[in-house]
N, C-alpha and C. Protein backbone atom coordinates (compact mmCIF):
# COMPACT_ATOMS: atom_id res chain seq x y z
N ALA A 1 -18.78 -32.89 43.25
CA ALA A 1 -19.80 -32.46 42.31
C ALA A 1 -20.17 -31.02 42.53
N ASN A 2 -20.12 -30.58 43.79
CA ASN A 2 -20.48 -29.20 44.12
C ASN A 2 -19.46 -28.23 43.53
N ASN A 3 -18.18 -28.62 43.54
CA ASN A 3 -17.11 -27.81 42.97
C ASN A 3 -17.31 -27.64 41.46
N ASN A 4 -17.78 -28.71 40.81
CA ASN A 4 -18.05 -28.68 39.37
C ASN A 4 -19.18 -27.69 39.06
N ASN A 5 -20.21 -27.68 39.91
CA ASN A 5 -21.32 -26.74 39.73
C ASN A 5 -20.86 -25.31 39.92
N ASP A 6 -19.95 -25.08 40.86
CA ASP A 6 -19.41 -23.74 41.08
C ASP A 6 -18.64 -23.28 39.84
N ASP A 7 -17.86 -24.19 39.25
CA ASP A 7 -17.13 -23.86 38.02
C ASP A 7 -18.08 -23.55 36.88
N ASP A 8 -19.14 -24.35 36.76
CA ASP A 8 -20.13 -24.11 35.71
C ASP A 8 -20.82 -22.77 35.91
N LYS A 9 -21.17 -22.45 37.16
CA LYS A 9 -21.84 -21.18 37.45
C LYS A 9 -20.90 -20.02 37.15
N ALA A 10 -19.64 -20.14 37.52
CA ALA A 10 -18.66 -19.09 37.24
C ALA A 10 -18.50 -18.89 35.73
N GLU A 11 -18.48 -19.98 35.00
CA GLU A 11 -18.37 -19.89 33.54
C GLU A 11 -19.59 -19.21 32.94
N LEU A 12 -20.78 -19.58 33.41
CA LEU A 12 -22.02 -18.96 32.91
C LEU A 12 -22.07 -17.48 33.28
N ASP A 13 -21.64 -17.13 34.49
CA ASP A 13 -21.60 -15.72 34.89
C ASP A 13 -20.63 -14.93 34.00
N ALA A 14 -19.49 -15.53 33.70
CA ALA A 14 -18.51 -14.86 32.85
C ALA A 14 -19.06 -14.65 31.45
N ARG A 15 -19.77 -15.63 30.94
CA ARG A 15 -20.36 -15.50 29.61
C ARG A 15 -21.46 -14.44 29.58
N ALA A 16 -22.22 -14.34 30.70
CA ALA A 16 -23.33 -13.39 30.77
C ALA A 16 -22.87 -11.97 31.08
N ALA A 17 -21.63 -11.80 31.51
CA ALA A 17 -21.12 -10.47 31.86
C ALA A 17 -21.09 -9.59 30.62
N PRO A 18 -21.20 -8.25 30.82
CA PRO A 18 -21.13 -7.34 29.66
C PRO A 18 -19.82 -7.54 28.90
N LYS A 19 -19.92 -7.50 27.60
CA LYS A 19 -18.76 -7.75 26.75
C LYS A 19 -18.00 -6.44 26.53
N PRO A 20 -16.68 -6.49 26.57
CA PRO A 20 -15.89 -5.28 26.31
C PRO A 20 -15.90 -4.94 24.83
N LYS A 21 -15.64 -3.67 24.56
CA LYS A 21 -15.54 -3.22 23.18
C LYS A 21 -14.16 -3.61 22.64
N PRO A 22 -14.05 -3.68 21.32
CA PRO A 22 -12.72 -3.98 20.76
C PRO A 22 -11.70 -2.94 21.22
N LYS A 23 -10.47 -3.39 21.37
CA LYS A 23 -9.39 -2.51 21.79
C LYS A 23 -8.37 -2.44 20.68
N TYR A 24 -7.82 -1.24 20.46
CA TYR A 24 -6.81 -1.06 19.42
C TYR A 24 -5.44 -1.43 19.98
N ASP A 25 -4.74 -2.29 19.26
CA ASP A 25 -3.40 -2.69 19.66
C ASP A 25 -2.41 -1.92 18.79
N PRO A 26 -1.72 -0.90 19.34
CA PRO A 26 -0.82 -0.09 18.52
C PRO A 26 0.38 -0.86 18.00
N VAL A 27 0.74 -1.96 18.64
CA VAL A 27 1.89 -2.75 18.18
C VAL A 27 1.58 -3.42 16.86
N THR A 28 0.42 -4.06 16.78
CA THR A 28 0.06 -4.76 15.55
C THR A 28 -0.75 -3.89 14.61
N GLY A 29 -1.27 -2.76 15.12
CA GLY A 29 -2.10 -1.90 14.29
C GLY A 29 -3.46 -2.51 13.99
N LYS A 30 -3.91 -3.41 14.86
CA LYS A 30 -5.18 -4.09 14.63
C LYS A 30 -6.08 -3.92 15.85
N TRP A 31 -7.36 -4.10 15.62
CA TRP A 31 -8.33 -4.11 16.70
C TRP A 31 -8.44 -5.53 17.20
N VAL A 32 -8.46 -5.69 18.51
CA VAL A 32 -8.58 -7.01 19.10
C VAL A 32 -9.80 -7.07 20.00
N VAL A 33 -10.36 -8.25 20.11
CA VAL A 33 -11.55 -8.47 20.93
C VAL A 33 -11.24 -9.57 21.93
N MET A 34 -11.76 -9.40 23.14
CA MET A 34 -11.55 -10.38 24.19
C MET A 34 -12.71 -11.37 24.18
N ASN A 35 -12.40 -12.64 24.24
CA ASN A 35 -13.42 -13.67 24.39
C ASN A 35 -14.03 -13.58 25.78
N TRP A 36 -15.10 -14.33 25.99
CA TRP A 36 -15.79 -14.32 27.28
C TRP A 36 -14.89 -14.76 28.42
N ASP A 37 -13.86 -15.55 28.11
CA ASP A 37 -12.99 -16.06 29.17
C ASP A 37 -11.72 -15.22 29.35
N GLY A 38 -11.63 -14.09 28.65
CA GLY A 38 -10.48 -13.21 28.79
C GLY A 38 -9.38 -13.46 27.79
N SER A 39 -9.50 -14.50 26.97
CA SER A 39 -8.48 -14.77 25.96
C SER A 39 -8.67 -13.82 24.78
N VAL A 40 -7.61 -13.66 24.03
CA VAL A 40 -7.65 -12.78 22.87
C VAL A 40 -8.33 -13.52 21.72
N ALA A 41 -9.40 -12.94 21.20
CA ALA A 41 -10.17 -13.59 20.14
C ALA A 41 -9.41 -13.54 18.83
N GLY A 42 -9.46 -14.63 18.09
CA GLY A 42 -8.92 -14.67 16.74
C GLY A 42 -7.41 -14.66 16.66
N VAL A 43 -6.71 -14.94 17.76
CA VAL A 43 -5.26 -14.93 17.76
C VAL A 43 -4.77 -16.32 18.15
N LYS A 44 -3.85 -16.84 17.37
CA LYS A 44 -3.29 -18.15 17.70
C LYS A 44 -2.64 -18.05 19.08
N GLY A 45 -2.98 -18.98 19.93
CA GLY A 45 -2.48 -18.94 21.30
C GLY A 45 -3.23 -17.96 22.17
N GLY A 46 -4.38 -17.49 21.70
CA GLY A 46 -5.18 -16.52 22.45
C GLY A 46 -5.64 -17.05 23.78
N ASP A 47 -5.73 -18.37 23.90
CA ASP A 47 -6.14 -18.95 25.18
C ASP A 47 -5.03 -18.80 26.22
N LYS A 48 -3.80 -18.54 25.79
CA LYS A 48 -2.69 -18.34 26.72
C LYS A 48 -2.45 -16.87 26.99
N ARG A 49 -3.10 -15.98 26.23
CA ARG A 49 -2.96 -14.54 26.41
C ARG A 49 -4.23 -14.02 27.05
N SER A 50 -4.09 -12.99 27.84
CA SER A 50 -5.25 -12.48 28.55
C SER A 50 -5.16 -10.97 28.67
N PHE A 51 -6.29 -10.30 28.60
CA PHE A 51 -6.34 -8.87 28.82
C PHE A 51 -6.28 -8.55 30.32
N HIS A 52 -6.58 -9.54 31.17
CA HIS A 52 -6.64 -9.29 32.60
C HIS A 52 -5.26 -9.01 33.19
N ASN A 53 -4.23 -9.61 32.64
CA ASN A 53 -2.89 -9.39 33.14
C ASN A 53 -1.95 -9.31 31.95
N LEU A 54 -1.83 -8.12 31.41
CA LEU A 54 -1.05 -7.94 30.18
C LEU A 54 0.43 -8.21 30.40
N ASN A 55 0.92 -8.07 31.64
CA ASN A 55 2.33 -8.33 31.90
C ASN A 55 2.70 -9.78 31.65
N ASN A 56 1.75 -10.69 31.83
CA ASN A 56 2.03 -12.10 31.59
C ASN A 56 2.10 -12.43 30.10
N ASN A 57 1.73 -11.49 29.26
CA ASN A 57 1.73 -11.74 27.82
C ASN A 57 3.07 -11.40 27.19
N ASN A 58 4.01 -10.90 27.97
CA ASN A 58 5.25 -10.41 27.40
C ASN A 58 6.28 -11.50 27.13
N ASN A 59 5.99 -12.76 27.53
CA ASN A 59 6.99 -13.80 27.30
C ASN A 59 7.35 -13.93 25.83
N ASN A 60 6.42 -13.77 24.92
CA ASN A 60 6.72 -13.89 23.49
C ASN A 60 7.03 -12.54 22.86
N SER A 61 6.62 -11.44 23.50
CA SER A 61 6.75 -10.15 22.85
C SER A 61 8.19 -9.71 22.69
N SER A 62 9.08 -10.02 23.64
CA SER A 62 10.46 -9.60 23.50
C SER A 62 11.12 -10.33 22.34
N ASN A 63 10.80 -11.61 22.16
CA ASN A 63 11.34 -12.36 21.02
C ASN A 63 10.81 -11.79 19.72
N THR A 64 9.53 -11.47 19.69
CA THR A 64 8.92 -10.92 18.48
C THR A 64 9.55 -9.58 18.15
N THR A 65 9.73 -8.73 19.17
CA THR A 65 10.31 -7.41 18.95
C THR A 65 11.73 -7.54 18.43
N ARG A 66 12.49 -8.43 19.02
CA ARG A 66 13.87 -8.62 18.60
C ARG A 66 13.92 -9.06 17.14
N GLN A 67 13.00 -9.90 16.72
CA GLN A 67 13.00 -10.39 15.35
C GLN A 67 12.57 -9.32 14.36
N GLN A 68 11.87 -8.29 14.83
CA GLN A 68 11.32 -7.29 13.92
C GLN A 68 12.10 -5.99 13.93
N GLN A 69 13.37 -6.02 14.35
CA GLN A 69 14.17 -4.81 14.33
C GLN A 69 14.33 -4.34 12.89
N PRO A 70 14.38 -3.02 12.68
CA PRO A 70 14.50 -2.51 11.31
C PRO A 70 15.76 -3.04 10.63
N THR A 71 15.59 -3.45 9.41
CA THR A 71 16.71 -3.90 8.61
C THR A 71 16.61 -3.21 7.26
N PRO A 72 17.74 -2.94 6.63
CA PRO A 72 17.66 -2.32 5.31
C PRO A 72 16.87 -3.21 4.36
N VAL A 73 16.00 -2.59 3.62
CA VAL A 73 15.13 -3.35 2.72
C VAL A 73 15.55 -3.07 1.29
N GLN A 74 15.81 -4.11 0.57
CA GLN A 74 16.11 -3.97 -0.84
C GLN A 74 14.81 -3.89 -1.61
N PRO A 75 14.73 -3.03 -2.63
CA PRO A 75 13.51 -3.00 -3.43
C PRO A 75 13.25 -4.37 -4.04
N PRO A 76 11.99 -4.76 -4.15
CA PRO A 76 11.69 -6.04 -4.79
C PRO A 76 12.26 -6.05 -6.20
N LEU A 77 12.77 -7.20 -6.60
CA LEU A 77 13.34 -7.33 -7.93
C LEU A 77 12.36 -6.88 -9.00
N GLN A 78 11.09 -7.24 -8.80
CA GLN A 78 10.07 -6.88 -9.77
C GLN A 78 9.94 -5.36 -9.89
N ALA A 79 10.00 -4.65 -8.75
CA ALA A 79 9.89 -3.19 -8.78
C ALA A 79 11.11 -2.59 -9.46
N MET A 80 12.30 -3.12 -9.16
CA MET A 80 13.51 -2.57 -9.76
C MET A 80 13.48 -2.72 -11.27
N ARG A 81 12.90 -3.80 -11.74
CA ARG A 81 12.86 -4.06 -13.17
C ARG A 81 12.07 -2.98 -13.90
N TYR A 82 11.09 -2.39 -13.23
CA TYR A 82 10.21 -1.43 -13.89
C TYR A 82 10.50 0.02 -13.53
N MET A 83 11.35 0.27 -12.53
CA MET A 83 11.59 1.64 -12.11
C MET A 83 12.29 2.45 -13.18
N GLU A 84 13.33 1.92 -13.70
CA GLU A 84 14.13 2.63 -14.68
C GLU A 84 13.98 1.93 -16.03
N ILE A 85 13.90 2.72 -17.06
CA ILE A 85 13.82 2.12 -18.39
C ILE A 85 14.94 2.67 -19.24
N THR A 86 15.40 1.89 -20.15
CA THR A 86 16.55 2.27 -20.94
C THR A 86 16.14 3.20 -22.07
N ASP A 87 17.12 3.87 -22.65
CA ASP A 87 16.83 4.77 -23.76
C ASP A 87 16.19 4.03 -24.93
N SER A 88 16.59 2.79 -25.16
CA SER A 88 16.03 2.05 -26.29
C SER A 88 14.54 1.79 -26.08
N SER A 89 14.12 1.60 -24.82
CA SER A 89 12.71 1.33 -24.59
C SER A 89 11.89 2.61 -24.51
N THR A 90 12.56 3.76 -24.50
CA THR A 90 11.83 5.03 -24.43
C THR A 90 11.86 5.77 -25.75
N ASP A 91 12.18 5.09 -26.82
CA ASP A 91 12.08 5.72 -28.12
C ASP A 91 10.60 5.95 -28.38
N MET A 92 10.13 7.14 -28.02
CA MET A 92 8.69 7.38 -27.97
C MET A 92 8.09 7.79 -29.31
N VAL A 93 8.93 8.10 -30.27
CA VAL A 93 8.39 8.50 -31.56
C VAL A 93 7.61 7.34 -32.17
N GLY A 94 6.38 7.58 -32.51
CA GLY A 94 5.54 6.56 -33.10
C GLY A 94 4.84 5.67 -32.10
N GLN A 95 5.11 5.85 -30.81
CA GLN A 95 4.42 5.03 -29.81
C GLN A 95 2.97 5.46 -29.69
N VAL A 96 2.13 4.49 -29.37
CA VAL A 96 0.69 4.71 -29.29
C VAL A 96 0.31 5.09 -27.87
N PRO A 97 -0.39 6.22 -27.68
CA PRO A 97 -0.85 6.57 -26.33
C PRO A 97 -1.87 5.54 -25.83
N PHE A 98 -1.78 5.22 -24.53
CA PHE A 98 -2.74 4.27 -23.96
C PHE A 98 -3.48 4.84 -22.76
N ALA A 99 -3.06 6.01 -22.29
CA ALA A 99 -3.74 6.61 -21.13
C ALA A 99 -3.71 8.13 -21.25
N LEU A 100 -4.70 8.75 -20.65
CA LEU A 100 -4.84 10.20 -20.65
C LEU A 100 -4.80 10.69 -19.21
N VAL A 101 -4.05 11.75 -18.97
CA VAL A 101 -4.02 12.37 -17.65
C VAL A 101 -5.19 13.35 -17.59
N LYS A 102 -6.23 12.98 -16.81
CA LYS A 102 -7.45 13.80 -16.70
C LYS A 102 -7.25 14.98 -15.76
N SER A 103 -6.48 14.79 -14.70
CA SER A 103 -6.25 15.89 -13.75
C SER A 103 -4.97 15.62 -12.98
N VAL A 104 -4.38 16.71 -12.50
CA VAL A 104 -3.17 16.63 -11.68
C VAL A 104 -3.36 17.56 -10.49
N ALA A 105 -3.22 17.05 -9.29
CA ALA A 105 -3.38 17.85 -8.07
C ALA A 105 -2.12 18.68 -7.83
N ASP A 106 -2.34 19.89 -7.32
CA ASP A 106 -1.22 20.77 -6.97
C ASP A 106 -0.38 20.12 -5.88
N GLU A 107 0.92 20.34 -5.93
CA GLU A 107 1.86 19.87 -4.92
C GLU A 107 1.84 18.35 -4.74
N SER A 108 1.48 17.63 -5.78
CA SER A 108 1.45 16.16 -5.75
C SER A 108 2.73 15.62 -6.40
N PRO A 109 3.01 14.33 -6.22
CA PRO A 109 4.14 13.73 -6.91
C PRO A 109 4.03 13.89 -8.43
N ALA A 110 2.82 13.78 -8.97
CA ALA A 110 2.63 13.95 -10.42
C ALA A 110 2.97 15.37 -10.85
N ALA A 111 2.53 16.36 -10.06
CA ALA A 111 2.84 17.76 -10.38
C ALA A 111 4.34 18.00 -10.28
N ASP A 112 4.98 17.44 -9.25
CA ASP A 112 6.43 17.59 -9.10
C ASP A 112 7.18 16.99 -10.28
N ALA A 113 6.64 15.93 -10.87
CA ALA A 113 7.28 15.29 -12.02
C ALA A 113 7.06 16.08 -13.31
N GLY A 114 6.11 17.02 -13.29
CA GLY A 114 5.83 17.81 -14.48
C GLY A 114 4.66 17.31 -15.30
N MET A 115 3.89 16.38 -14.77
CA MET A 115 2.71 15.90 -15.49
C MET A 115 1.69 17.02 -15.58
N LYS A 116 0.98 17.05 -16.71
CA LYS A 116 -0.03 18.09 -16.93
C LYS A 116 -1.32 17.44 -17.40
N GLU A 117 -2.43 18.09 -17.07
CA GLU A 117 -3.73 17.64 -17.56
C GLU A 117 -3.69 17.62 -19.08
N GLY A 118 -4.18 16.55 -19.67
CA GLY A 118 -4.19 16.42 -21.12
C GLY A 118 -3.02 15.65 -21.68
N ASP A 119 -2.01 15.37 -20.86
CA ASP A 119 -0.88 14.56 -21.33
C ASP A 119 -1.38 13.18 -21.75
N LEU A 120 -0.85 12.69 -22.85
CA LEU A 120 -1.14 11.32 -23.31
C LEU A 120 0.07 10.46 -22.95
N ILE A 121 -0.17 9.42 -22.18
CA ILE A 121 0.92 8.56 -21.72
C ILE A 121 1.19 7.49 -22.78
N VAL A 122 2.46 7.42 -23.21
CA VAL A 122 2.87 6.40 -24.18
C VAL A 122 3.78 5.35 -23.53
N ALA A 123 4.37 5.69 -22.39
CA ALA A 123 5.22 4.74 -21.66
C ALA A 123 5.12 5.06 -20.17
N PHE A 124 4.97 4.01 -19.38
CA PHE A 124 4.92 4.16 -17.92
C PHE A 124 5.82 3.07 -17.37
N GLY A 125 7.07 3.44 -17.05
CA GLY A 125 8.08 2.43 -16.75
C GLY A 125 8.29 1.62 -18.01
N SER A 126 8.20 0.31 -17.92
CA SER A 126 8.37 -0.53 -19.11
C SER A 126 7.03 -0.87 -19.76
N PHE A 127 5.95 -0.29 -19.28
CA PHE A 127 4.63 -0.58 -19.85
C PHE A 127 4.30 0.40 -20.96
N ASP A 128 3.64 -0.14 -21.99
CA ASP A 128 3.18 0.69 -23.10
C ASP A 128 1.80 0.21 -23.52
N HIS A 129 1.37 0.62 -24.71
CA HIS A 129 0.01 0.28 -25.17
C HIS A 129 -0.22 -1.23 -25.28
N SER A 130 0.85 -2.00 -25.40
CA SER A 130 0.68 -3.44 -25.64
C SER A 130 0.64 -4.29 -24.37
N ASN A 131 1.04 -3.73 -23.23
CA ASN A 131 1.17 -4.60 -22.05
C ASN A 131 0.68 -3.98 -20.74
N HIS A 132 -0.10 -2.94 -20.79
CA HIS A 132 -0.53 -2.29 -19.54
C HIS A 132 -1.73 -2.97 -18.88
N ARG A 133 -2.36 -3.93 -19.56
CA ARG A 133 -3.49 -4.71 -19.02
C ARG A 133 -4.60 -3.81 -18.45
N ASN A 134 -5.12 -2.93 -19.30
CA ASN A 134 -6.19 -2.01 -18.88
C ASN A 134 -5.78 -1.19 -17.66
N LEU A 135 -4.54 -0.76 -17.63
CA LEU A 135 -3.93 0.07 -16.58
C LEU A 135 -3.70 -0.69 -15.27
N GLN A 136 -4.06 -1.97 -15.23
CA GLN A 136 -3.86 -2.76 -14.02
C GLN A 136 -2.37 -2.88 -13.69
N ALA A 137 -1.54 -2.99 -14.70
CA ALA A 137 -0.10 -3.11 -14.48
C ALA A 137 0.45 -1.87 -13.79
N ILE A 138 -0.08 -0.71 -14.14
CA ILE A 138 0.35 0.54 -13.50
C ILE A 138 -0.09 0.54 -12.04
N GLY A 139 -1.32 0.11 -11.80
CA GLY A 139 -1.83 0.05 -10.44
C GLY A 139 -1.02 -0.87 -9.54
N GLU A 140 -0.43 -1.90 -10.12
CA GLU A 140 0.41 -2.83 -9.35
C GLU A 140 1.83 -2.28 -9.18
N LEU A 141 2.31 -1.57 -10.19
CA LEU A 141 3.67 -1.06 -10.17
C LEU A 141 3.86 0.08 -9.18
N VAL A 142 2.91 1.01 -9.14
CA VAL A 142 3.08 2.23 -8.35
C VAL A 142 3.36 1.95 -6.88
N PRO A 143 2.57 1.12 -6.18
CA PRO A 143 2.90 0.88 -4.77
C PRO A 143 4.22 0.16 -4.56
N MET A 144 4.60 -0.72 -5.49
CA MET A 144 5.89 -1.41 -5.38
C MET A 144 7.03 -0.40 -5.44
N VAL A 145 6.97 0.50 -6.41
CA VAL A 145 8.04 1.48 -6.58
C VAL A 145 8.03 2.47 -5.42
N ALA A 146 6.84 2.87 -4.96
CA ALA A 146 6.75 3.78 -3.82
C ALA A 146 7.38 3.14 -2.59
N GLY A 147 7.10 1.87 -2.36
CA GLY A 147 7.67 1.16 -1.22
C GLY A 147 9.18 1.04 -1.31
N ALA A 148 9.69 0.98 -2.51
CA ALA A 148 11.14 0.87 -2.72
C ALA A 148 11.81 2.24 -2.78
N GLY A 149 11.00 3.31 -2.75
CA GLY A 149 11.56 4.66 -2.83
C GLY A 149 12.12 4.97 -4.20
N GLY A 150 11.60 4.34 -5.23
CA GLY A 150 12.13 4.50 -6.57
C GLY A 150 11.42 5.54 -7.41
N THR A 151 11.84 5.61 -8.64
CA THR A 151 11.31 6.56 -9.62
C THR A 151 10.87 5.80 -10.86
N ILE A 152 9.77 6.23 -11.45
CA ILE A 152 9.26 5.61 -12.68
C ILE A 152 9.44 6.61 -13.81
N GLN A 153 10.06 6.16 -14.89
CA GLN A 153 10.22 6.99 -16.07
C GLN A 153 8.93 6.91 -16.89
N ILE A 154 8.42 8.07 -17.27
CA ILE A 154 7.16 8.14 -18.01
C ILE A 154 7.39 8.90 -19.31
N GLY A 155 6.82 8.39 -20.38
CA GLY A 155 6.84 9.09 -21.65
C GLY A 155 5.45 9.63 -21.96
N VAL A 156 5.37 10.92 -22.27
CA VAL A 156 4.07 11.53 -22.58
C VAL A 156 4.16 12.32 -23.88
N GLN A 157 3.00 12.40 -24.52
CA GLN A 157 2.83 13.31 -25.65
C GLN A 157 2.03 14.49 -25.12
N ARG A 158 2.50 15.71 -25.41
CA ARG A 158 1.84 16.92 -24.91
C ARG A 158 1.65 17.89 -26.07
N TRP A 159 0.44 18.46 -26.13
CA TRP A 159 0.18 19.46 -27.16
C TRP A 159 1.03 20.69 -26.89
N ASN A 160 1.70 21.18 -27.95
CA ASN A 160 2.39 22.45 -27.81
C ASN A 160 1.55 23.53 -28.50
N GLY A 161 1.99 24.72 -28.56
CA GLY A 161 1.19 25.81 -29.11
C GLY A 161 1.06 25.79 -30.62
N ASN A 162 1.70 24.85 -31.32
CA ASN A 162 1.71 24.84 -32.78
C ASN A 162 0.82 23.75 -33.36
N ASN A 163 -0.23 23.37 -32.67
CA ASN A 163 -1.14 22.31 -33.13
C ASN A 163 -0.42 20.99 -33.40
N SER A 164 0.60 20.72 -32.64
CA SER A 164 1.29 19.44 -32.76
C SER A 164 1.66 18.96 -31.36
N ARG A 165 2.06 17.71 -31.29
CA ARG A 165 2.44 17.14 -30.00
C ARG A 165 3.95 17.07 -29.90
N GLU A 166 4.43 17.30 -28.70
CA GLU A 166 5.85 17.11 -28.43
C GLU A 166 5.99 15.97 -27.42
N MET A 167 7.09 15.28 -27.50
CA MET A 167 7.35 14.16 -26.61
C MET A 167 8.10 14.67 -25.38
N LYS A 168 7.69 14.19 -24.21
CA LYS A 168 8.34 14.56 -22.96
C LYS A 168 8.67 13.30 -22.18
N ARG A 169 9.80 13.30 -21.53
CA ARG A 169 10.16 12.22 -20.60
C ARG A 169 10.12 12.81 -19.20
N LEU A 170 9.40 12.15 -18.32
CA LEU A 170 9.23 12.63 -16.95
C LEU A 170 9.69 11.56 -15.97
N ALA A 171 10.18 12.00 -14.84
CA ALA A 171 10.60 11.08 -13.77
C ALA A 171 9.61 11.25 -12.61
N LEU A 172 8.79 10.24 -12.39
CA LEU A 172 7.75 10.28 -11.37
C LEU A 172 8.17 9.44 -10.17
N ARG A 173 8.16 10.06 -8.99
CA ARG A 173 8.49 9.33 -7.76
C ARG A 173 7.22 9.19 -6.92
N PRO A 174 6.53 8.04 -7.03
CA PRO A 174 5.31 7.84 -6.25
C PRO A 174 5.63 7.80 -4.76
N ARG A 175 4.77 8.46 -3.97
CA ARG A 175 4.99 8.50 -2.52
C ARG A 175 3.73 9.02 -1.84
N PRO A 176 3.60 8.77 -0.56
CA PRO A 176 2.49 9.37 0.17
C PRO A 176 2.66 10.89 0.19
N TRP A 177 1.59 11.60 0.07
CA TRP A 177 1.62 13.06 0.11
C TRP A 177 0.33 13.51 0.80
N ALA A 178 0.05 14.80 0.83
CA ALA A 178 -1.10 15.33 1.58
C ALA A 178 -2.44 14.90 1.00
N GLY A 179 -2.48 14.53 -0.27
CA GLY A 179 -3.73 14.13 -0.92
C GLY A 179 -3.90 12.62 -0.98
N ARG A 180 -4.83 12.19 -1.83
CA ARG A 180 -5.13 10.76 -1.97
C ARG A 180 -4.13 10.06 -2.87
N GLY A 181 -3.90 8.80 -2.60
CA GLY A 181 -3.08 7.97 -3.46
C GLY A 181 -1.60 8.27 -3.35
N LEU A 182 -0.85 7.74 -4.29
CA LEU A 182 0.60 7.90 -4.29
C LEU A 182 1.09 8.77 -5.44
N LEU A 183 0.19 9.14 -6.36
CA LEU A 183 0.58 9.93 -7.53
C LEU A 183 0.03 11.35 -7.52
N GLY A 184 -1.24 11.49 -7.17
CA GLY A 184 -1.86 12.81 -7.21
C GLY A 184 -2.35 13.18 -8.58
N CYS A 185 -2.73 12.19 -9.36
CA CYS A 185 -3.30 12.47 -10.68
C CYS A 185 -4.35 11.42 -10.99
N HIS A 186 -5.20 11.76 -11.95
CA HIS A 186 -6.25 10.83 -12.39
C HIS A 186 -5.91 10.43 -13.81
N ILE A 187 -5.68 9.14 -14.01
CA ILE A 187 -5.30 8.61 -15.32
C ILE A 187 -6.41 7.69 -15.80
N VAL A 188 -6.82 7.86 -17.06
CA VAL A 188 -7.84 6.99 -17.64
C VAL A 188 -7.30 6.37 -18.92
N LYS A 189 -7.83 5.21 -19.25
CA LYS A 189 -7.45 4.52 -20.48
C LYS A 189 -8.04 5.26 -21.68
N VAL A 190 -7.26 5.32 -22.76
CA VAL A 190 -7.79 5.92 -24.01
C VAL A 190 -8.06 4.85 -25.03
């Protein structure tokens, strides 16, 4: 019975001890917290892992690392479907604009593609005025194509100097850059 009391006292002392701050795990890119007993909080099998002896935690890590070796990644089928559009789907004459380019940041992917402030977007990949879902479809498409390293064909109407609009086809390659987002432009619904 005395041994049981010693265990209880040790457990209570461990619970009362100052709690460590979360630690950043560069492997998973997440912050982890240690439970009062040294196990990793919120991790399946955390009771078998401990911050006290990290070397004992490596039994699963070599298998995990081996399974996560870089492999060539094919673009998602959904992204490939929207990256390139055919000439028949880009017949922009008579198409209805559905978005306005409010601004374009210097040295951004949008600027590299030739997008300009005031451009009216009539086609963004395979999306047009009838299927862009309040621009939500574009918001879903851009990260998919960026992840696949692809290009999105865009059709725009642009004012020329003769009080008329000219049609332009642009090739936009979304990607991380020095600014915010993957495009570097502000697009609003018209």
